[in-house]
PDB file of N, CA and C in Angstrom:
ATOM      1  N   MET A   1       0.849  -1.171   0.000  1.00  0.00           N
ATOM      2  CA  MET A   1       0.000   0.000   0.000  1.00  0.00           C
ATOM      3  C   MET A   1       0.897   1.237   0.000  1.00  0.00           C
ATOM      4  N   PRO A   2       0.691   2.155  -0.984  1.00  0.00           N
ATOM      5  CA  PRO A   2       1.548   3.325  -1.061  1.00  0.00           C
ATOM      6  C   PRO A   2       1.306   4.266   0.111  1.00  0.00           C
ATOM      7  N   SER A   3       2.359   4.954   0.486  1.00  0.00           N
ATOM      8  CA  SER A   3       2.233   5.898   1.592  1.00  0.00           C
ATOM      9  C   SER A   3       1.428   7.109   1.137  1.00  0.00           C
ATOM     10  N   SER A   4       0.963   7.883   2.111  1.00  0.00           N
ATOM     11  CA  SER A   4       0.141   9.045   1.777  1.00  0.00           C
ATOM     12  C   SER A   4       0.950  10.097   1.029  1.00  0.00           C
ATOM     13  N   ARG A   5       2.256  10.153   1.304  1.00  0.00           N
ATOM     14  CA  ARG A   5       3.102  11.121   0.613  1.00  0.00           C
ATOM     15  C   ARG A   5       3.207  10.777  -0.877  1.00  0.00           C
ATOM     16  N   ILE A   6       3.367   9.508  -1.199  1.00  0.00           N
ATOM     17  CA  ILE A   6       3.429   9.095  -2.601  1.00  0.00           C
ATOM     18  C   ILE A   6       2.080   9.306  -3.272  1.00  0.00           C
ATOM     19  N   GLU A   7       1.018   9.029  -2.536  1.00  0.00           N
ATOM     20  CA  GLU A   7      -0.325   9.205  -3.091  1.00  0.00           C
ATOM     21  C   GLU A   7      -0.595  10.675  -3.402  1.00  0.00           C
ATOM     22  N   ILE A   8      -0.154  11.572  -2.534  1.00  0.00           N
ATOM     23  CA  ILE A   8      -0.349  13.000  -2.776  1.00  0.00           C
ATOM     24  C   ILE A   8       0.465  13.443  -3.982  1.00  0.00           C
ATOM     25  N   SER A   9       1.696  12.941  -4.102  1.00  0.00           N
ATOM     26  CA  SER A   9       2.515  13.345  -5.246  1.00  0.00           C
ATOM     27  C   SER A   9       1.944  12.808  -6.558  1.00  0.00           C
ATOM     28  N   LEU A  10       1.399  11.594  -6.546  1.00  0.00           N
ATOM     29  CA  LEU A  10       0.775  11.056  -7.754  1.00  0.00           C
ATOM     30  C   LEU A  10      -0.465  11.855  -8.135  1.00  0.00           C
ATOM     31  N   ARG A  11      -1.225  12.245  -7.150  1.00  0.00           N
ATOM     32  CA  ARG A  11      -2.418  13.054  -7.406  1.00  0.00           C
ATOM     33  C   ARG A  11      -2.014  14.412  -7.991  1.00  0.00           C
ATOM     34  N   THR A  12      -0.934  14.973  -7.464  1.00  0.00           N
ATOM     35  CA  THR A  12      -0.449  16.258  -7.973  1.00  0.00           C
ATOM     36  C   THR A  12       0.001  16.133  -9.412  1.00  0.00           C
ATOM     37  N   VAL A  13       0.701  15.065  -9.730  1.00  0.00           N
ATOM     38  CA  VAL A  13       1.154  14.858 -11.114  1.00  0.00           C
ATOM     39  C   VAL A  13      -0.030  14.682 -12.044  1.00  0.00           C
ATOM     40  N   ARG A  14      -1.051  13.965 -11.585  1.00  0.00           N
ATOM     41  CA  ARG A  14      -2.236  13.758 -12.433  1.00  0.00           C
ATOM     42  C   ARG A  14      -2.953  15.073 -12.717  1.00  0.00           C
ATOM     43  N   TRP A  15      -2.871  16.048 -11.819  1.00  0.00           N
ATOM     44  CA  TRP A  15      -3.507  17.337 -12.052  1.00  0.00           C
ATOM     45  C   TRP A  15      -2.595  18.281 -12.831  1.00  0.00           C
ATOM     46  N   LEU A  16      -1.291  18.220 -12.587  1.00  0.00           N
ATOM     47  CA  LEU A  16      -0.385  19.165 -13.231  1.00  0.00           C
ATOM     48  C   LEU A  16      -0.083  18.806 -14.674  1.00  0.00           C
ATOM     49  N   TRP A  17      -0.084  17.529 -15.020  1.00  0.00           N
ATOM     50  CA  TRP A  17       0.237  17.109 -16.384  1.00  0.00           C
ATOM     51  C   TRP A  17      -0.730  17.707 -17.412  1.00  0.00           C
ATOM     52  N   PRO A  18      -2.050  17.571 -17.252  1.00  0.00           N
ATOM     53  CA  PRO A  18      -2.946  18.195 -18.232  1.00  0.00           C
ATOM     54  C   PRO A  18      -2.869  19.717 -18.210  1.00  0.00           C
ATOM     55  N   ALA A  19      -2.650  20.293 -17.036  1.00  0.00           N
ATOM     56  CA  ALA A  19      -2.539  21.750 -16.957  1.00  0.00           C
ATOM     57  C   ALA A  19      -1.306  22.248 -17.706  1.00  0.00           C
ATOM     58  N   ALA A  20      -0.202  21.534 -17.585  1.00  0.00           N
ATOM     59  CA  ALA A  20       1.016  21.917 -18.301  1.00  0.00           C
ATOM     60  C   ALA A  20       0.823  21.769 -19.808  1.00  0.00           C
ATOM     61  N   LEU A  21       0.165  20.697 -20.238  1.00  0.00           N
ATOM     62  CA  LEU A  21      -0.089  20.519 -21.675  1.00  0.00           C
ATOM     63  C   LEU A  21      -0.990  21.620 -22.209  1.00  0.00           C
ATOM     64  N   LEU A  22      -2.002  21.994 -21.437  1.00  0.00           N
ATOM     65  CA  LEU A  22      -2.902  23.057 -21.861  1.00  0.00           C
ATOM     66  C   LEU A  22      -2.177  24.398 -21.919  1.00  0.00           C
ATOM     67  N   ALA A  23      -1.276  24.635 -20.978  1.00  0.00           N
ATOM     68  CA  ALA A  23      -0.523  25.890 -20.979  1.00  0.00           C
ATOM     69  C   ALA A  23       0.447  25.965 -22.145  1.00  0.00           C
ATOM     70  N   LEU A  24       1.025  24.840 -22.556  1.00  0.00           N
ATOM     71  CA  LEU A  24       2.000  24.835 -23.648  1.00  0.00           C
ATOM     72  C   LEU A  24       1.370  24.705 -25.027  1.00  0.00           C
ATOM     73  N   MET A  25       0.092  24.368 -25.093  1.00  0.00           N
ATOM     74  CA  MET A  25      -0.570  24.175 -26.370  1.00  0.00           C
ATOM     75  C   MET A  25      -0.757  25.530 -27.067  1.00  0.00           C
ATOM     76  N   PRO A  26      -0.441  25.619 -28.363  1.00  0.00           N
ATOM     77  CA  PRO A  26      -0.630  26.900 -29.049  1.00  0.00           C
ATOM     78  C   PRO A  26      -2.113  27.232 -29.179  1.00  0.00           C
ATOM     79  N   LYS A  27      -2.455  28.468 -28.855  1.00  0.00           N
ATOM     80  CA  LYS A  27      -3.852  28.870 -28.835  1.00  0.00           C
ATOM     81  C   LYS A  27      -4.220  29.836 -29.963  1.00  0.00           C
ATOM     82  N   CYS A  28      -3.228  30.337 -30.669  1.00  0.00           N
ATOM     83  CA  CYS A  28      -3.508  31.259 -31.763  1.00  0.00           C
ATOM     84  C   CYS A  28      -2.440  31.089 -32.839  1.00  0.00           C
ATOM     85  N   LEU A  29      -2.607  31.763 -33.936  1.00  0.00           N
ATOM     86  CA  LEU A  29      -1.670  31.654 -35.047  1.00  0.00           C
ATOM     87  C   LEU A  29      -0.285  32.166 -34.663  1.00  0.00           C
ATOM     88  N   LEU A  30      -0.228  33.214 -33.855  1.00  0.00           N
ATOM     89  CA  LEU A  30       1.073  33.732 -33.443  1.00  0.00           C
ATOM     90  C   LEU A  30       1.811  32.735 -32.558  1.00  0.00           C
ATOM     91  N   CYS A  31       1.077  31.997 -31.728  1.00  0.00           N
ATOM     92  CA  CYS A  31       1.715  30.974 -30.890  1.00  0.00           C
ATOM     93  C   CYS A  31       2.286  29.854 -31.752  1.00  0.00           C
ATOM     94  N   VAL A  32       1.550  29.444 -32.767  1.00  0.00           N
ATOM     95  CA  VAL A  32       2.038  28.402 -33.675  1.00  0.00           C
ATOM     96  C   VAL A  32       3.293  28.884 -34.387  1.00  0.00           C
ATOM     97  N   LEU A  33       3.273  30.128 -34.852  1.00  0.00           N
ATOM     98  CA  LEU A  33       4.442  30.673 -35.525  1.00  0.00           C
ATOM     99  C   LEU A  33       5.639  30.790 -34.581  1.00  0.00           C
ATOM    100  N   ALA A  34       5.383  31.108 -33.326  1.00  0.00           N
ATOM    101  CA  ALA A  34       6.474  31.175 -32.349  1.00  0.00           C
ATOM    102  C   ALA A  34       7.071  29.797 -32.120  1.00  0.00           C
ATOM    103  N   TYR A  35       6.238  28.763 -32.032  1.00  0.00           N
ATOM    104  CA  TYR A  35       6.750  27.402 -31.858  1.00  0.00           C
ATOM    105  C   TYR A  35       7.545  26.951 -33.080  1.00  0.00           C
ATOM    106  N   VAL A  36       7.086  27.328 -34.266  1.00  0.00           N
ATOM    107  CA  VAL A  36       7.830  26.990 -35.483  1.00  0.00           C
ATOM    108  C   VAL A  36       9.177  27.695 -35.475  1.00  0.00           C
ATOM    109  N   GLY A  37       9.179  28.952 -35.048  1.00  0.00           N
ATOM    110  CA  GLY A  37      10.442  29.682 -34.959  1.00  0.00           C
ATOM    111  C   GLY A  37      11.394  29.070 -33.946  1.00  0.00           C
ATOM    112  N   LEU A  38      10.872  28.643 -32.803  1.00  0.00           N
ATOM    113  CA  LEU A  38      11.721  27.984 -31.813  1.00  0.00           C
ATOM    114  C   LEU A  38      12.262  26.664 -32.344  1.00  0.00           C
ATOM    115  N   GLY A  39      11.421  25.910 -33.044  1.00  0.00           N
ATOM    116  CA  GLY A  39      11.880  24.650 -33.616  1.00  0.00           C
ATOM    117  C   GLY A  39      12.968  24.864 -34.644  1.00  0.00           C
ATOM    118  N   THR A  40      12.832  25.906 -35.447  1.00  0.00           N
ATOM    119  CA  THR A  40      13.863  26.213 -36.428  1.00  0.00           C
ATOM    120  C   THR A  40      15.142  26.663 -35.743  1.00  0.00           C
ATOM    121  N   ALA A  41      15.005  27.437 -34.688  1.00  0.00           N
ATOM    122  CA  ALA A  41      16.190  27.911 -33.967  1.00  0.00           C
ATOM    123  C   ALA A  41      16.946  26.763 -33.314  1.00  0.00           C
ATOM    124  N   PHE A  42      16.228  25.735 -32.890  1.00  0.00           N
ATOM    125  CA  PHE A  42      16.878  24.594 -32.248  1.00  0.00           C
ATOM    126  C   PHE A  42      17.313  23.523 -33.246  1.00  0.00           C
ATOM    127  N   GLY A  43      17.196  23.793 -34.536  1.00  0.00           N
ATOM    128  CA  GLY A  43      17.717  22.879 -35.542  1.00  0.00           C
ATOM    129  C   GLY A  43      16.742  21.838 -36.031  1.00  0.00           C
ATOM    130  N   LEU A  44      15.444  22.095 -35.911  1.00  0.00           N
ATOM    131  CA  LEU A  44      14.468  21.123 -36.390  1.00  0.00           C
ATOM    132  C   LEU A  44      14.009  21.430 -37.806  1.00  0.00           C
ATOM    133  N   GLY A  45      14.679  22.357 -38.465  1.00  0.00           N
ATOM    134  CA  GLY A  45      14.313  22.719 -39.826  1.00  0.00           C
ATOM    135  C   GLY A  45      14.776  21.682 -40.823  1.00  0.00           C
ATOM    136  N   GLY A  46      14.286  21.799 -42.027  1.00  0.00           N
ATOM    137  CA  GLY A  46      14.659  20.866 -43.078  1.00  0.00           C
ATOM    138  C   GLY A  46      16.033  21.164 -43.648  1.00  0.00           C
ATOM    139  N   PRO A  47      16.492  20.337 -44.573  1.00  0.00           N
ATOM    140  CA  PRO A  47      17.822  20.515 -45.141  1.00  0.00           C
ATOM    141  C   PRO A  47      17.964  21.797 -45.953  1.00  0.00           C
ATOM    142  N   GLU A  48      16.867  22.356 -46.452  1.00  0.00           N
ATOM    143  CA  GLU A  48      16.970  23.569 -47.250  1.00  0.00           C
ATOM    144  C   GLU A  48      17.309  24.784 -46.396  1.00  0.00           C
ATOM    145  N   ILE A  49      17.087  24.697 -45.096  1.00  0.00           N
ATOM    146  CA  ILE A  49      17.386  25.826 -44.223  1.00  0.00           C
ATOM    147  C   ILE A  49      18.877  25.895 -43.927  1.00  0.00           C
ATOM    148  N   CYS A  50      19.480  24.779 -43.613  1.00  0.00           N
ATOM    149  CA  CYS A  50      20.889  24.797 -43.203  1.00  0.00           C
ATOM    150  C   CYS A  50      21.834  24.392 -44.322  1.00  0.00           C
ATOM    151  N   GLY A  51      21.333  23.974 -45.468  1.00  0.00           N
ATOM    152  CA  GLY A  51      22.180  23.617 -46.585  1.00  0.00           C
ATOM    153  C   GLY A  51      22.739  22.207 -46.530  1.00  0.00           C
ATOM    154  N   ALA A  52      22.260  21.379 -45.622  1.00  0.00           N
ATOM    155  CA  ALA A  52      22.754  20.009 -45.516  1.00  0.00           C
ATOM    156  C   ALA A  52      22.171  19.164 -46.646  1.00  0.00           C
ATOM    157  N   SER A  53      22.784  18.043 -46.919  1.00  0.00           N
ATOM    158  CA  SER A  53      22.269  17.160 -47.958  1.00  0.00           C
ATOM    159  C   SER A  53      20.996  16.479 -47.473  1.00  0.00           C
ATOM    160  N   ALA A  54      20.189  15.995 -48.405  1.00  0.00           N
ATOM    161  CA  ALA A  54      18.884  15.431 -48.069  1.00  0.00           C
ATOM    162  C   ALA A  54      19.004  14.141 -47.276  1.00  0.00           C
ATOM    163  N   GLY A  55      20.123  13.451 -47.344  1.00  0.00           N
ATOM    164  CA  GLY A  55      20.280  12.193 -46.627  1.00  0.00           C
ATOM    165  C   GLY A  55      20.916  12.354 -45.263  1.00  0.00           C
ATOM    166  N   SER A  56      21.010  13.566 -44.773  1.00  0.00           N
ATOM    167  CA  SER A  56      21.703  13.792 -43.508  1.00  0.00           C
ATOM    168  C   SER A  56      20.794  13.480 -42.323  1.00  0.00           C
ATOM    169  N   LEU A  57      21.312  13.725 -41.151  1.00  0.00           N
ATOM    170  CA  LEU A  57      20.551  13.449 -39.935  1.00  0.00           C
ATOM    171  C   LEU A  57      19.387  14.395 -39.729  1.00  0.00           C
ATOM    172  N   VAL A  58      19.308  15.470 -40.494  1.00  0.00           N
ATOM    173  CA  VAL A  58      18.215  16.427 -40.361  1.00  0.00           C
ATOM    174  C   VAL A  58      16.913  15.830 -40.890  1.00  0.00           C
ATOM    175  N   ALA A  59      16.988  14.777 -41.680  1.00  0.00           N
ATOM    176  CA  ALA A  59      15.801  14.178 -42.285  1.00  0.00           C
ATOM    177  C   ALA A  59      14.875  13.538 -41.256  1.00  0.00           C
ATOM    178  N   TRP A  60      15.327  13.365 -40.027  1.00  0.00           N
ATOM    179  CA  TRP A  60      14.460  12.776 -38.999  1.00  0.00           C
ATOM    180  C   TRP A  60      13.290  13.689 -38.675  1.00  0.00           C
ATOM    181  N   ALA A  61      13.424  14.997 -38.914  1.00  0.00           N
ATOM    182  CA  ALA A  61      12.322  15.922 -38.642  1.00  0.00           C
ATOM    183  C   ALA A  61      11.131  15.622 -39.553  1.00  0.00           C
ATOM    184  N   SER A  62      11.403  15.208 -40.774  1.00  0.00           N
ATOM    185  CA  SER A  62      10.331  14.842 -41.685  1.00  0.00           C
ATOM    186  C   SER A  62       9.590  13.604 -41.188  1.00  0.00           C
ATOM    187  N   TRP A  63      10.349  12.620 -40.719  1.00  0.00           N
ATOM    188  CA  TRP A  63       9.719  11.417 -40.173  1.00  0.00           C
ATOM    189  C   TRP A  63       8.909  11.744 -38.922  1.00  0.00           C
ATOM    190  N   LEU A  64       9.410  12.663 -38.117  1.00  0.00           N
ATOM    191  CA  LEU A  64       8.697  13.063 -36.913  1.00  0.00           C
ATOM    192  C   LEU A  64       7.370  13.745 -37.262  1.00  0.00           C
ATOM    193  N   ALA A  65       7.377  14.557 -38.310  1.00  0.00           N
ATOM    194  CA  ALA A  65       6.145  15.214 -38.746  1.00  0.00           C
ATOM    195  C   ALA A  65       5.126  14.192 -39.246  1.00  0.00           C
ATOM    196  N   TRP A  66       5.585  13.209 -40.038  1.00  0.00           N
ATOM    197  CA  TRP A  66       4.678  12.172 -40.524  1.00  0.00           C
ATOM    198  C   TRP A  66       4.119  11.340 -39.371  1.00  0.00           C
ATOM    199  N   LEU A  67       4.965  11.036 -38.408  1.00  0.00           N
ATOM    200  CA  LEU A  67       4.512  10.263 -37.248  1.00  0.00           C
ATOM    201  C   LEU A  67       3.447  11.024 -36.472  1.00  0.00           C
ATOM    202  N   GLY A  68       3.645  12.314 -36.285  1.00  0.00           N
ATOM    203  CA  GLY A  68       2.642  13.132 -35.599  1.00  0.00           C
ATOM    204  C   GLY A  68       1.323  13.171 -36.351  1.00  0.00           C
ATOM    205  N   ALA A  69       1.398  13.276 -37.675  1.00  0.00           N
ATOM    206  CA  ALA A  69       0.173  13.292 -38.479  1.00  0.00           C
ATOM    207  C   ALA A  69      -0.559  11.957 -38.384  1.00  0.00           C
ATOM    208  N   ILE A  70       0.182  10.862 -38.425  1.00  0.00           N
ATOM    209  CA  ILE A  70      -0.447   9.536 -38.340  1.00  0.00           C
ATOM    210  C   ILE A  70      -1.077   9.320 -36.971  1.00  0.00           C
ATOM    211  N   ILE A  71      -0.389   9.707 -35.920  1.00  0.00           N
ATOM    212  CA  ILE A  71      -0.942   9.558 -34.566  1.00  0.00           C
ATOM    213  C   ILE A  71      -2.178  10.437 -34.403  1.00  0.00           C
ATOM    214  N   GLY A  72      -2.125  11.659 -34.934  1.00  0.00           N
ATOM    215  CA  GLY A  72      -3.282  12.551 -34.838  1.00  0.00           C
ATOM    216  C   GLY A  72      -4.495  12.010 -35.576  1.00  0.00           C
ATOM    217  N   LEU A  73      -4.289  11.502 -36.782  1.00  0.00           N
ATOM    218  CA  LEU A  73      -5.409  10.936 -37.534  1.00  0.00           C
ATOM    219  C   LEU A  73      -5.934   9.660 -36.879  1.00  0.00           C
ATOM    220  N   GLY A  74      -5.032   8.870 -36.308  1.00  0.00           N
ATOM    221  CA  GLY A  74      -5.474   7.668 -35.598  1.00  0.00           C
ATOM    222  C   GLY A  74      -6.315   8.012 -34.375  1.00  0.00           C
ATOM    223  N   ALA A  75      -5.892   9.025 -33.628  1.00  0.00           N
ATOM    224  CA  ALA A  75      -6.664   9.445 -32.457  1.00  0.00           C
ATOM    225  C   ALA A  75      -8.021   9.998 -32.872  1.00  0.00           C
ATOM    226  N   LEU A  76      -8.040  10.772 -33.958  1.00  0.00           N
ATOM    227  CA  LEU A  76      -9.312  11.305 -34.455  1.00  0.00           C
ATOM    228  C   LEU A  76     -10.255  10.174 -34.846  1.00  0.00           C
ATOM    229  N   GLY A  77      -9.745   9.182 -35.562  1.00  0.00           N
ATOM    230  CA  GLY A  77     -10.576   8.037 -35.937  1.00  0.00           C
ATOM    231  C   GLY A  77     -11.060   7.253 -34.738  1.00  0.00           C
ATOM    232  N   PHE A  78     -10.202   7.088 -33.743  1.00  0.00           N
ATOM    233  CA  PHE A  78     -10.583   6.365 -32.534  1.00  0.00           C
ATOM    234  C   PHE A  78     -11.720   7.064 -31.805  1.00  0.00           C
ATOM    235  N   PHE A  79     -11.587   8.381 -31.608  1.00  0.00           N
ATOM    236  CA  PHE A  79     -12.622   9.106 -30.880  1.00  0.00           C
ATOM    237  C   PHE A  79     -13.915   9.220 -31.671  1.00  0.00           C
ATOM    238  N   MET A  80     -13.806   9.295 -32.995  1.00  0.00           N
ATOM    239  CA  MET A  80     -15.026   9.329 -33.805  1.00  0.00           C
ATOM    240  C   MET A  80     -15.738   7.988 -33.746  1.00  0.00           C
ATOM    241  N   SER A  81     -14.986   6.890 -33.786  1.00  0.00           N
ATOM    242  CA  SER A  81     -15.618   5.584 -33.713  1.00  0.00           C
ATOM    243  C   SER A  81     -16.264   5.363 -32.342  1.00  0.00           C
ATOM    244  N   ARG A  82     -15.626   5.859 -31.286  1.00  0.00           N
ATOM    245  CA  ARG A  82     -16.225   5.739 -29.942  1.00  0.00           C
ATOM    246  C   ARG A  82     -17.539   6.497 -29.857  1.00  0.00           C
ATOM    247  N   SER A  83     -17.564   7.696 -30.444  1.00  0.00           N
ATOM    248  CA  SER A  83     -18.792   8.493 -30.380  1.00  0.00           C
ATOM    249  C   SER A  83     -19.891   7.855 -31.228  1.00  0.00           C
ATOM    250  N   LEU A  84     -19.525   7.219 -32.352  1.00  0.00           N
ATOM    251  CA  LEU A  84     -20.523   6.558 -33.179  1.00  0.00           C
ATOM    252  C   LEU A  84     -21.066   5.298 -32.503  1.00  0.00           C
ATOM    253  N   LEU A  85     -20.231   4.600 -31.767  1.00  0.00           N
ATOM    254  CA  LEU A  85     -20.678   3.386 -31.075  1.00  0.00           C
ATOM    255  C   LEU A  85     -21.592   3.718 -29.899  1.00  0.00           C
ATOM    256  N   ARG A  86     -21.447   4.893 -29.323  1.00  0.00           N
ATOM    257  CA  ARG A  86     -22.308   5.272 -28.195  1.00  0.00           C
ATOM    258  C   ARG A  86     -23.717   5.598 -28.642  1.00  0.00           C
ATOM    259  N   ARG A  87     -23.883   5.933 -29.904  1.00  0.00           N
ATOM    260  CA  ARG A  87     -25.224   6.306 -30.399  1.00  0.00           C
ATOM    261  C   ARG A  87     -26.100   5.129 -30.584  1.00  0.00           C
TER     262      ARG A  87
END
């Protein structure tokens, strides 16, 4: 049985995690542009920005974008199917 101190910390994490995600989520077009600018500043841009060849290590950003799109579409399909099954 977990101690009360561990239970309180787990409860705090369960409340702070969604709050942190909501605070970091872009809420307007300027926020999205700021995140894109930060990503470019930290080296997440494509090869055309830094002049590297297309087969370099920078190509992982493209795979990361595709992975995000696939996960997003999968989540959308999952939640739509759940809502249709409830009807």
